[in-house]
Amino acid sequence: MGKLPLLTPREVEANLKACEFVHKRTVGSHKAYERSASADGKRKRAIVTVDVSKKQFDRKLMASMIRQSLLTKEEFCTGVLKKPEATVQQTAQTEESENA
């Protein structure tokens, strides 16, 4: 992904929800979204604060929210989580053994 796309609050909220974040609270114009840690310890807990009063986020706020989310730029901006390589390989092996 080249330049960082500038998203609206609605787009950011939709992407966070797609990435397993849940709305926790609202204080004024700020909404807090949380993703809990995974049971296996591979994913840390993350909290992202979204200022819903903005029409569009600037690069500084986008970068801040991406850091808070512990996601990659691509995952944050598209709302699609990438599977770790080990999981992809295990899935392929499982499918091969089922087809045999």
PDB file of N, CA and C in Angstrom:
ATOM      1  N   MET A   1       0.861  -1.161   0.000  1.00  0.00           N
ATOM      2  CA  MET A   1       0.000   0.000   0.000  1.00  0.00           C
ATOM      3  C   MET A   1       0.904   1.220   0.000  1.00  0.00           C
ATOM      4  N   GLY A   2       0.685   2.117  -0.922  1.00  0.00           N
ATOM      5  CA  GLY A   2       1.495   3.312  -1.043  1.00  0.00           C
ATOM      6  C   GLY A   2       1.109   4.362  -0.022  1.00  0.00           C
ATOM      7  N   LYS A   3       0.518   5.451  -0.517  1.00  0.00           N
ATOM      8  CA  LYS A   3       0.077   6.527   0.372  1.00  0.00           C
ATOM      9  C   LYS A   3      -1.037   6.059   1.289  1.00  0.00           C
ATOM     10  N   LEU A   4      -1.046   6.628   2.464  1.00  0.00           N
ATOM     11  CA  LEU A   4      -2.070   6.306   3.447  1.00  0.00           C
ATOM     12  C   LEU A   4      -3.395   6.944   3.026  1.00  0.00           C
ATOM     13  N   PRO A   5      -4.460   6.138   2.817  1.00  0.00           N
ATOM     14  CA  PRO A   5      -5.745   6.727   2.451  1.00  0.00           C
ATOM     15  C   PRO A   5      -6.353   7.465   3.638  1.00  0.00           C
ATOM     16  N   LEU A   6      -7.031   8.556   3.368  1.00  0.00           N
ATOM     17  CA  LEU A   6      -7.682   9.331   4.425  1.00  0.00           C
ATOM     18  C   LEU A   6      -9.136   8.885   4.502  1.00  0.00           C
ATOM     19  N   LEU A   7      -9.502   8.282   5.611  1.00  0.00           N
ATOM     20  CA  LEU A   7     -10.826   7.701   5.775  1.00  0.00           C
ATOM     21  C   LEU A   7     -11.729   8.592   6.617  1.00  0.00           C
ATOM     22  N   THR A   8     -13.020   8.354   6.517  1.00  0.00           N
ATOM     23  CA  THR A   8     -14.010   9.038   7.344  1.00  0.00           C
ATOM     24  C   THR A   8     -14.225   8.214   8.621  1.00  0.00           C
ATOM     25  N   PRO A   9     -14.803   8.806   9.656  1.00  0.00           N
ATOM     26  CA  PRO A   9     -15.082   8.036  10.873  1.00  0.00           C
ATOM     27  C   PRO A   9     -15.952   6.803  10.614  1.00  0.00           C
ATOM     28  N   ARG A  10     -16.920   6.919   9.749  1.00  0.00           N
ATOM     29  CA  ARG A  10     -17.795   5.780   9.435  1.00  0.00           C
ATOM     30  C   ARG A  10     -16.999   4.627   8.812  1.00  0.00           C
ATOM     31  N   GLU A  11     -16.058   4.950   7.918  1.00  0.00           N
ATOM     32  CA  GLU A  11     -15.225   3.916   7.291  1.00  0.00           C
ATOM     33  C   GLU A  11     -14.303   3.258   8.320  1.00  0.00           C
ATOM     34  N   VAL A  12     -13.721   4.068   9.197  1.00  0.00           N
ATOM     35  CA  VAL A  12     -12.833   3.536  10.234  1.00  0.00           C
ATOM     36  C   VAL A  12     -13.611   2.612  11.164  1.00  0.00           C
ATOM     37  N   GLU A  13     -14.798   3.037  11.586  1.00  0.00           N
ATOM     38  CA  GLU A  13     -15.613   2.211  12.477  1.00  0.00           C
ATOM     39  C   GLU A  13     -15.975   0.878  11.811  1.00  0.00           C
ATOM     40  N   ALA A  14     -16.339   0.901  10.547  1.00  0.00           N
ATOM     41  CA  ALA A  14     -16.689  -0.324   9.825  1.00  0.00           C
ATOM     42  C   ALA A  14     -15.481  -1.248   9.723  1.00  0.00           C
ATOM     43  N   ASN A  15     -14.313  -0.698   9.432  1.00  0.00           N
ATOM     44  CA  ASN A  15     -13.100  -1.510   9.331  1.00  0.00           C
ATOM     45  C   ASN A  15     -12.709  -2.108  10.673  1.00  0.00           C
ATOM     46  N   LEU A  16     -12.853  -1.329  11.735  1.00  0.00           N
ATOM     47  CA  LEU A  16     -12.528  -1.850  13.066  1.00  0.00           C
ATOM     48  C   LEU A  16     -13.458  -3.004  13.434  1.00  0.00           C
ATOM     49  N   LYS A  17     -14.740  -2.847  13.161  1.00  0.00           N
ATOM     50  CA  LYS A  17     -15.701  -3.913  13.460  1.00  0.00           C
ATOM     51  C   LYS A  17     -15.379  -5.170  12.650  1.00  0.00           C
ATOM     52  N   ALA A  18     -14.970  -4.992  11.402  1.00  0.00           N
ATOM     53  CA  ALA A  18     -14.601  -6.127  10.563  1.00  0.00           C
ATOM     54  C   ALA A  18     -13.344  -6.820  11.087  1.00  0.00           C
ATOM     55  N   CYS A  19     -12.509  -6.084  11.812  1.00  0.00           N
ATOM     56  CA  CYS A  19     -11.269  -6.629  12.385  1.00  0.00           C
ATOM     57  C   CYS A  19     -11.461  -7.055  13.834  1.00  0.00           C
ATOM     58  N   GLU A  20     -12.687  -7.384  14.207  1.00  0.00           N
ATOM     59  CA  GLU A  20     -13.033  -7.946  15.512  1.00  0.00           C
ATOM     60  C   GLU A  20     -12.961  -6.954  16.677  1.00  0.00           C
ATOM     61  N   PHE A  21     -13.047  -5.659  16.397  1.00  0.00           N
ATOM     62  CA  PHE A  21     -13.118  -4.659  17.459  1.00  0.00           C
ATOM     63  C   PHE A  21     -14.574  -4.461  17.843  1.00  0.00           C
ATOM     64  N   VAL A  22     -14.804  -4.148  19.122  1.00  0.00           N
ATOM     65  CA  VAL A  22     -16.150  -3.963  19.654  1.00  0.00           C
ATOM     66  C   VAL A  22     -16.224  -2.578  20.288  1.00  0.00           C
ATOM     67  N   HIS A  23     -17.348  -1.875  20.041  1.00  0.00           N
ATOM     68  CA  HIS A  23     -17.541  -0.555  20.653  1.00  0.00           C
ATOM     69  C   HIS A  23     -17.688  -0.736  22.154  1.00  0.00           C
ATOM     70  N   LYS A  24     -16.852  -0.028  22.933  1.00  0.00           N
ATOM     71  CA  LYS A  24     -16.877  -0.153  24.389  1.00  0.00           C
ATOM     72  C   LYS A  24     -17.558   1.022  25.069  1.00  0.00           C
ATOM     73  N   ARG A  25     -17.252   2.238  24.649  1.00  0.00           N
ATOM     74  CA  ARG A  25     -17.838   3.405  25.317  1.00  0.00           C
ATOM     75  C   ARG A  25     -17.735   4.625  24.421  1.00  0.00           C
ATOM     76  N   THR A  26     -18.523   5.641  24.757  1.00  0.00           N
ATOM     77  CA  THR A  26     -18.487   6.923  24.073  1.00  0.00           C
ATOM     78  C   THR A  26     -18.357   8.010  25.125  1.00  0.00           C
ATOM     79  N   VAL A  27     -17.412   8.911  24.912  1.00  0.00           N
ATOM     80  CA  VAL A  27     -17.236  10.068  25.784  1.00  0.00           C
ATOM     81  C   VAL A  27     -17.192  11.289  24.873  1.00  0.00           C
ATOM     82  N   GLY A  28     -18.256  12.085  24.894  1.00  0.00           N
ATOM     83  CA  GLY A  28     -18.335  13.234  23.992  1.00  0.00           C
ATOM     84  C   GLY A  28     -18.385  12.758  22.554  1.00  0.00           C
ATOM     85  N   SER A  29     -17.451  13.243  21.738  1.00  0.00           N
ATOM     86  CA  SER A  29     -17.418  12.846  20.322  1.00  0.00           C
ATOM     87  C   SER A  29     -16.414  11.727  20.063  1.00  0.00           C
ATOM     88  N   HIS A  30     -15.879  11.127  21.123  1.00  0.00           N
ATOM     89  CA  HIS A  30     -14.885  10.070  20.972  1.00  0.00           C
ATOM     90  C   HIS A  30     -15.474   8.708  21.328  1.00  0.00           C
ATOM     91  N   LYS A  31     -15.305   7.759  20.417  1.00  0.00           N
ATOM     92  CA  LYS A  31     -15.742   6.389  20.656  1.00  0.00           C
ATOM     93  C   LYS A  31     -14.504   5.519  20.839  1.00  0.00           C
ATOM     94  N   ALA A  32     -14.576   4.622  21.807  1.00  0.00           N
ATOM     95  CA  ALA A  32     -13.475   3.697  22.059  1.00  0.00           C
ATOM     96  C   ALA A  32     -13.873   2.307  21.581  1.00  0.00           C
ATOM     97  N   TYR A  33     -13.006   1.707  20.747  1.00  0.00           N
ATOM     98  CA  TYR A  33     -13.207   0.356  20.243  1.00  0.00           C
ATOM     99  C   TYR A  33     -12.109  -0.525  20.813  1.00  0.00           C
ATOM    100  N   GLU A  34     -12.488  -1.742  21.226  1.00  0.00           N
ATOM    101  CA  GLU A  34     -11.529  -2.644  21.853  1.00  0.00           C
ATOM    102  C   GLU A  34     -11.542  -4.003  21.170  1.00  0.00           C
ATOM    103  N   ARG A  35     -10.356  -4.581  21.053  1.00  0.00           N
ATOM    104  CA  ARG A  35     -10.209  -5.965  20.600  1.00  0.00           C
ATOM    105  C   ARG A  35      -9.465  -6.685  21.705  1.00  0.00           C
ATOM    106  N   SER A  36     -10.049  -7.765  22.211  1.00  0.00           N
ATOM    107  CA  SER A  36      -9.430  -8.475  23.326  1.00  0.00           C
ATOM    108  C   SER A  36      -8.249  -9.308  22.850  1.00  0.00           C
ATOM    109  N   ALA A  37      -7.421  -9.683  23.790  1.00  0.00           N
ATOM    110  CA  ALA A  37      -6.261 -10.521  23.488  1.00  0.00           C
ATOM    111  C   ALA A  37      -6.750 -11.916  23.119  1.00  0.00           C
ATOM    112  N   SER A  38      -5.973 -12.598  22.304  1.00  0.00           N
ATOM    113  CA  SER A  38      -6.345 -13.954  21.915  1.00  0.00           C
ATOM    114  C   SER A  38      -5.986 -14.924  23.037  1.00  0.00           C
ATOM    115  N   ALA A  39      -6.684 -16.015  23.087  1.00  0.00           N
ATOM    116  CA  ALA A  39      -6.463 -17.002  24.139  1.00  0.00           C
ATOM    117  C   ALA A  39      -5.077 -17.630  24.051  1.00  0.00           C
ATOM    118  N   ASP A  40      -4.547 -17.757  22.834  1.00  0.00           N
ATOM    119  CA  ASP A  40      -3.225 -18.376  22.669  1.00  0.00           C
ATOM    120  C   ASP A  40      -2.079 -17.389  22.898  1.00  0.00           C
ATOM    121  N   GLY A  41      -2.402 -16.121  23.167  1.00  0.00           N
ATOM    122  CA  GLY A  41      -1.380 -15.128  23.478  1.00  0.00           C
ATOM    123  C   GLY A  41      -0.674 -14.533  22.273  1.00  0.00           C
ATOM    124  N   LYS A  42      -1.128 -14.844  21.073  1.00  0.00           N
ATOM    125  CA  LYS A  42      -0.479 -14.326  19.863  1.00  0.00           C
ATOM    126  C   LYS A  42      -0.931 -12.907  19.525  1.00  0.00           C
ATOM    127  N   ARG A  43      -2.083 -12.503  20.053  1.00  0.00           N
ATOM    128  CA  ARG A  43      -2.612 -11.169  19.768  1.00  0.00           C
ATOM    129  C   ARG A  43      -2.814 -10.414  21.067  1.00  0.00           C
ATOM    130  N   LYS A  44      -2.321  -9.189  21.126  1.00  0.00           N
ATOM    131  CA  LYS A  44      -2.459  -8.362  22.317  1.00  0.00           C
ATOM    132  C   LYS A  44      -3.783  -7.603  22.285  1.00  0.00           C
ATOM    133  N   ARG A  45      -4.221  -7.172  23.456  1.00  0.00           N
ATOM    134  CA  ARG A  45      -5.411  -6.339  23.575  1.00  0.00           C
ATOM    135  C   ARG A  45      -5.110  -4.978  22.961  1.00  0.00           C
ATOM    136  N   ALA A  46      -6.071  -4.420  22.245  1.00  0.00           N
ATOM    137  CA  ALA A  46      -5.875  -3.118  21.603  1.00  0.00           C
ATOM    138  C   ALA A  46      -7.124  -2.265  21.787  1.00  0.00           C
ATOM    139  N   ILE A  47      -6.909  -0.977  22.025  1.00  0.00           N
ATOM    140  CA  ILE A  47      -8.005  -0.019  22.159  1.00  0.00           C
ATOM    141  C   ILE A  47      -7.729   1.136  21.204  1.00  0.00           C
ATOM    142  N   VAL A  48      -8.718   1.470  20.377  1.00  0.00           N
ATOM    143  CA  VAL A  48      -8.588   2.561  19.404  1.00  0.00           C
ATOM    144  C   VAL A  48      -9.642   3.615  19.719  1.00  0.00           C
ATOM    145  N   THR A  49      -9.209   4.866  19.795  1.00  0.00           N
ATOM    146  CA  THR A  49     -10.117   5.979  20.024  1.00  0.00           C
ATOM    147  C   THR A  49     -10.400   6.665  18.687  1.00  0.00           C
ATOM    148  N   VAL A  50     -11.689   6.808  18.355  1.00  0.00           N
ATOM    149  CA  VAL A  50     -12.105   7.405  17.086  1.00  0.00           C
ATOM    150  C   VAL A  50     -12.893   8.677  17.387  1.00  0.00           C
ATOM    151  N   ASP A  51     -12.442   9.802  16.836  1.00  0.00           N
ATOM    152  CA  ASP A  51     -13.147  11.080  16.989  1.00  0.00           C
ATOM    153  C   ASP A  51     -14.184  11.172  15.874  1.00  0.00           C
ATOM    154  N   VAL A  52     -15.439  10.884  16.205  1.00  0.00           N
ATOM    155  CA  VAL A  52     -16.487  10.806  15.190  1.00  0.00           C
ATOM    156  C   VAL A  52     -16.979  12.174  14.730  1.00  0.00           C
ATOM    157  N   SER A  53     -16.481  13.256  15.325  1.00  0.00           N
ATOM    158  CA  SER A  53     -16.911  14.594  14.904  1.00  0.00           C
ATOM    159  C   SER A  53     -16.163  15.066  13.663  1.00  0.00           C
ATOM    160  N   LYS A  54     -15.092  14.380  13.283  1.00  0.00           N
ATOM    161  CA  LYS A  54     -14.305  14.767  12.106  1.00  0.00           C
ATOM    162  C   LYS A  54     -15.037  14.369  10.829  1.00  0.00           C
ATOM    163  N   LYS A  55     -14.857  15.160   9.772  1.00  0.00           N
ATOM    164  CA  LYS A  55     -15.418  14.777   8.470  1.00  0.00           C
ATOM    165  C   LYS A  55     -14.523  13.746   7.803  1.00  0.00           C
ATOM    166  N   GLN A  56     -13.213  13.950   7.930  1.00  0.00           N
ATOM    167  CA  GLN A  56     -12.227  13.031   7.371  1.00  0.00           C
ATOM    168  C   GLN A  56     -10.960  13.159   8.216  1.00  0.00           C
ATOM    169  N   PHE A  57     -10.284  12.035   8.455  1.00  0.00           N
ATOM    170  CA  PHE A  57      -9.080  12.066   9.276  1.00  0.00           C
ATOM    171  C   PHE A  57      -7.875  12.498   8.460  1.00  0.00           C
ATOM    172  N   ASP A  58      -6.975  13.252   9.092  1.00  0.00           N
ATOM    173  CA  ASP A  58      -5.730  13.616   8.422  1.00  0.00           C
ATOM    174  C   ASP A  58      -4.713  12.489   8.646  1.00  0.00           C
ATOM    175  N   ARG A  59      -3.558  12.615   8.017  1.00  0.00           N
ATOM    176  CA  ARG A  59      -2.540  11.560   8.083  1.00  0.00           C
ATOM    177  C   ARG A  59      -2.061  11.298   9.516  1.00  0.00           C
ATOM    178  N   LYS A  60      -1.932  12.360  10.295  1.00  0.00           N
ATOM    179  CA  LYS A  60      -1.453  12.214  11.670  1.00  0.00           C
ATOM    180  C   LYS A  60      -2.430  11.374  12.505  1.00  0.00           C
ATOM    181  N   LEU A  61      -3.725  11.663  12.407  1.00  0.00           N
ATOM    182  CA  LEU A  61      -4.720  10.890  13.157  1.00  0.00           C
ATOM    183  C   LEU A  61      -4.837   9.456  12.635  1.00  0.00           C
ATOM    184  N   MET A  62      -4.736   9.286  11.325  1.00  0.00           N
ATOM    185  CA  MET A  62      -4.773   7.936  10.751  1.00  0.00           C
ATOM    186  C   MET A  62      -3.616   7.106  11.296  1.00  0.00           C
ATOM    187  N   ALA A  63      -2.420   7.686  11.290  1.00  0.00           N
ATOM    188  CA  ALA A  63      -1.241   6.973  11.787  1.00  0.00           C
ATOM    189  C   ALA A  63      -1.397   6.633  13.267  1.00  0.00           C
ATOM    190  N   SER A  64      -1.961   7.548  14.043  1.00  0.00           N
ATOM    191  CA  SER A  64      -2.171   7.313  15.468  1.00  0.00           C
ATOM    192  C   SER A  64      -3.144   6.158  15.695  1.00  0.00           C
ATOM    193  N   MET A  65      -4.238   6.116  14.959  1.00  0.00           N
ATOM    194  CA  MET A  65      -5.228   5.049  15.121  1.00  0.00           C
ATOM    195  C   MET A  65      -4.651   3.698  14.683  1.00  0.00           C
ATOM    196  N   ILE A  66      -3.830   3.708  13.637  1.00  0.00           N
ATOM    197  CA  ILE A  66      -3.205   2.463  13.178  1.00  0.00           C
ATOM    198  C   ILE A  66      -2.272   1.927  14.259  1.00  0.00           C
ATOM    199  N   ARG A  67      -1.488   2.799  14.871  1.00  0.00           N
ATOM    200  CA  ARG A  67      -0.597   2.381  15.966  1.00  0.00           C
ATOM    201  C   ARG A  67      -1.410   1.816  17.131  1.00  0.00           C
ATOM    202  N   GLN A  68      -2.495   2.480  17.496  1.00  0.00           N
ATOM    203  CA  GLN A  68      -3.332   2.015  18.599  1.00  0.00           C
ATOM    204  C   GLN A  68      -3.925   0.635  18.318  1.00  0.00           C
ATOM    205  N   SER A  69      -4.276   0.385  17.061  1.00  0.00           N
ATOM    206  CA  SER A  69      -4.963  -0.856  16.702  1.00  0.00           C
ATOM    207  C   SER A  69      -4.048  -2.071  16.667  1.00  0.00           C
ATOM    208  N   LEU A  70      -2.743  -1.868  16.563  1.00  0.00           N
ATOM    209  CA  LEU A  70      -1.765  -2.954  16.421  1.00  0.00           C
ATOM    210  C   LEU A  70      -1.993  -3.755  15.134  1.00  0.00           C
ATOM    211  N   LEU A  71      -2.627  -3.141  14.149  1.00  0.00           N
ATOM    212  CA  LEU A  71      -2.842  -3.748  12.843  1.00  0.00           C
ATOM    213  C   LEU A  71      -1.858  -3.149  11.842  1.00  0.00           C
ATOM    214  N   THR A  72      -1.729  -3.792  10.692  1.00  0.00           N
ATOM    215  CA  THR A  72      -0.940  -3.201   9.620  1.00  0.00           C
ATOM    216  C   THR A  72      -1.777  -2.119   8.951  1.00  0.00           C
ATOM    217  N   LYS A  73      -1.121  -1.290   8.149  1.00  0.00           N
ATOM    218  CA  LYS A  73      -1.842  -0.253   7.399  1.00  0.00           C
ATOM    219  C   LYS A  73      -2.929  -0.878   6.530  1.00  0.00           C
ATOM    220  N   GLU A  74      -2.572  -1.970   5.843  1.00  0.00           N
ATOM    221  CA  GLU A  74      -3.516  -2.620   4.938  1.00  0.00           C
ATOM    222  C   GLU A  74      -4.718  -3.177   5.690  1.00  0.00           C
ATOM    223  N   GLU A  75      -4.464  -3.845   6.820  1.00  0.00           N
ATOM    224  CA  GLU A  75      -5.565  -4.409   7.603  1.00  0.00           C
ATOM    225  C   GLU A  75      -6.476  -3.312   8.126  1.00  0.00           C
ATOM    226  N   PHE A  76      -5.890  -2.240   8.645  1.00  0.00           N
ATOM    227  CA  PHE A  76      -6.688  -1.147   9.209  1.00  0.00           C
ATOM    228  C   PHE A  76      -7.528  -0.460   8.134  1.00  0.00           C
ATOM    229  N   CYS A  77      -6.944  -0.212   6.971  1.00  0.00           N
ATOM    230  CA  CYS A  77      -7.636   0.554   5.927  1.00  0.00           C
ATOM    231  C   CYS A  77      -8.627  -0.266   5.123  1.00  0.00           C
ATOM    232  N   THR A  78      -8.473  -1.601   5.107  1.00  0.00           N
ATOM    233  CA  THR A  78      -9.390  -2.435   4.332  1.00  0.00           C
ATOM    234  C   THR A  78     -10.369  -3.211   5.193  1.00  0.00           C
ATOM    235  N   GLY A  79     -10.032  -3.402   6.468  1.00  0.00           N
ATOM    236  CA  GLY A  79     -10.901  -4.179   7.344  1.00  0.00           C
ATOM    237  C   GLY A  79     -10.785  -5.670   7.121  1.00  0.00           C
ATOM    238  N   VAL A  80      -9.680  -6.106   6.489  1.00  0.00           N
ATOM    239  CA  VAL A  80      -9.457  -7.520   6.217  1.00  0.00           C
ATOM    240  C   VAL A  80      -8.210  -7.966   6.967  1.00  0.00           C
ATOM    241  N   LEU A  81      -8.378  -8.924   7.872  1.00  0.00           N
ATOM    242  CA  LEU A  81      -7.244  -9.454   8.618  1.00  0.00           C
ATOM    243  C   LEU A  81      -6.521 -10.498   7.797  1.00  0.00           C
ATOM    244  N   LYS A  82      -5.205 -10.439   7.791  1.00  0.00           N
ATOM    245  CA  LYS A  82      -4.403 -11.437   7.093  1.00  0.00           C
ATOM    246  C   LYS A  82      -4.121 -12.580   8.048  1.00  0.00           C
ATOM    247  N   LYS A  83      -4.191 -13.809   7.516  1.00  0.00           N
ATOM    248  CA  LYS A  83      -3.880 -14.973   8.331  1.00  0.00           C
ATOM    249  C   LYS A  83      -2.361 -15.137   8.389  1.00  0.00           C
ATOM    250  N   PRO A  84      -1.844 -15.543   9.535  1.00  0.00           N
ATOM    251  CA  PRO A  84      -0.405 -15.817   9.615  1.00  0.00           C
ATOM    252  C   PRO A  84      -0.036 -16.945   8.660  1.00  0.00           C
ATOM    253  N   GLU A  85       1.191 -16.944   8.168  1.00  0.00           N
ATOM    254  CA  GLU A  85       1.642 -17.933   7.194  1.00  0.00           C
ATOM    255  C   GLU A  85       1.467 -19.356   7.704  1.00  0.00           C
ATOM    256  N   ALA A  86       1.763 -19.603   8.972  1.00  0.00           N
ATOM    257  CA  ALA A  86       1.646 -20.950   9.519  1.00  0.00           C
ATOM    258  C   ALA A  86       0.207 -21.449   9.411  1.00  0.00           C
ATOM    259  N   THR A  87      -0.748 -20.593   9.661  1.00  0.00           N
ATOM    260  CA  THR A  87      -2.161 -20.969   9.579  1.00  0.00           C
ATOM    261  C   THR A  87      -2.552 -21.284   8.146  1.00  0.00           C
ATOM    262  N   VAL A  88      -2.056 -20.508   7.196  1.00  0.00           N
ATOM    263  CA  VAL A  88      -2.351 -20.743   5.786  1.00  0.00           C
ATOM    264  C   VAL A  88      -1.797 -22.087   5.350  1.00  0.00           C
ATOM    265  N   GLN A  89      -0.571 -22.414   5.774  1.00  0.00           N
ATOM    266  CA  GLN A  89       0.040 -23.688   5.411  1.00  0.00           C
ATOM    267  C   GLN A  89      -0.699 -24.847   6.061  1.00  0.00           C
ATOM    268  N   GLN A  90      -1.111 -24.697   7.324  1.00  0.00           N
ATOM    269  CA  GLN A  90      -1.847 -25.750   8.015  1.00  0.00           C
ATOM    270  C   GLN A  90      -3.183 -26.005   7.343  1.00  0.00           C
ATOM    271  N   THR A  91      -3.855 -24.940   6.916  1.00  0.00           N
ATOM    272  CA  THR A  91      -5.138 -25.083   6.234  1.00  0.00           C
ATOM    273  C   THR A  91      -4.972 -25.829   4.927  1.00  0.00           C
ATOM    274  N   ALA A  92      -3.925 -25.518   4.168  1.00  0.00           N
ATOM    275  CA  ALA A  92      -3.667 -26.190   2.900  1.00  0.00           C
ATOM    276  C   ALA A  92      -3.383 -27.671   3.127  1.00  0.00           C
ATOM    277  N   GLN A  93      -2.609 -27.996   4.167  1.00  0.00           N
ATOM    278  CA  GLN A  93      -2.292 -29.383   4.472  1.00  0.00           C
ATOM    279  C   GLN A  93      -3.549 -30.141   4.891  1.00  0.00           C
ATOM    280  N   THR A  94      -4.410 -29.509   5.662  1.00  0.00           N
ATOM    281  CA  THR A  94      -5.643 -30.133   6.114  1.00  0.00           C
ATOM    282  C   THR A  94      -6.544 -30.433   4.931  1.00  0.00           C
ATOM    283  N   GLU A  95      -6.665 -29.494   4.006  1.00  0.00           N
ATOM    284  CA  GLU A  95      -7.491 -29.688   2.827  1.00  0.00           C
ATOM    285  C   GLU A  95      -6.952 -30.824   1.962  1.00  0.00           C
ATOM    286  N   GLU A  96      -5.620 -30.923   1.833  1.00  0.00           N
ATOM    287  CA  GLU A  96      -5.012 -31.982   1.038  1.00  0.00           C
ATOM    288  C   GLU A  96      -5.292 -33.357   1.650  1.00  0.00           C
ATOM    289  N   SER A  97      -5.186 -33.436   2.980  1.00  0.00           N
ATOM    290  CA  SER A  97      -5.408 -34.722   3.652  1.00  0.00           C
ATOM    291  C   SER A  97      -6.881 -35.125   3.581  1.00  0.00           C
ATOM    292  N   GLU A  98      -7.785 -34.156   3.587  1.00  0.00           N
ATOM    293  CA  GLU A  98      -9.220 -34.464   3.495  1.00  0.00           C
ATOM    294  C   GLU A  98      -9.585 -34.938   2.094  1.00  0.00           C
ATOM    295  N   ASN A  99      -8.909 -34.394   1.076  1.00  0.00           N
ATOM    296  CA  ASN A  99      -9.198 -34.759  -0.309  1.00  0.00           C
ATOM    297  C   ASN A  99      -8.579 -36.114  -0.683  1.00  0.00           C
ATOM    298  N   ALA A 100      -7.627 -36.590   0.095  1.00  0.00           N
ATOM    299  CA  ALA A 100      -6.941 -37.853  -0.243  1.00  0.00           C
ATOM    300  C   ALA A 100      -7.750 -39.058   0.122  1.00  0.00           C
TER     301      ALA A 100
END
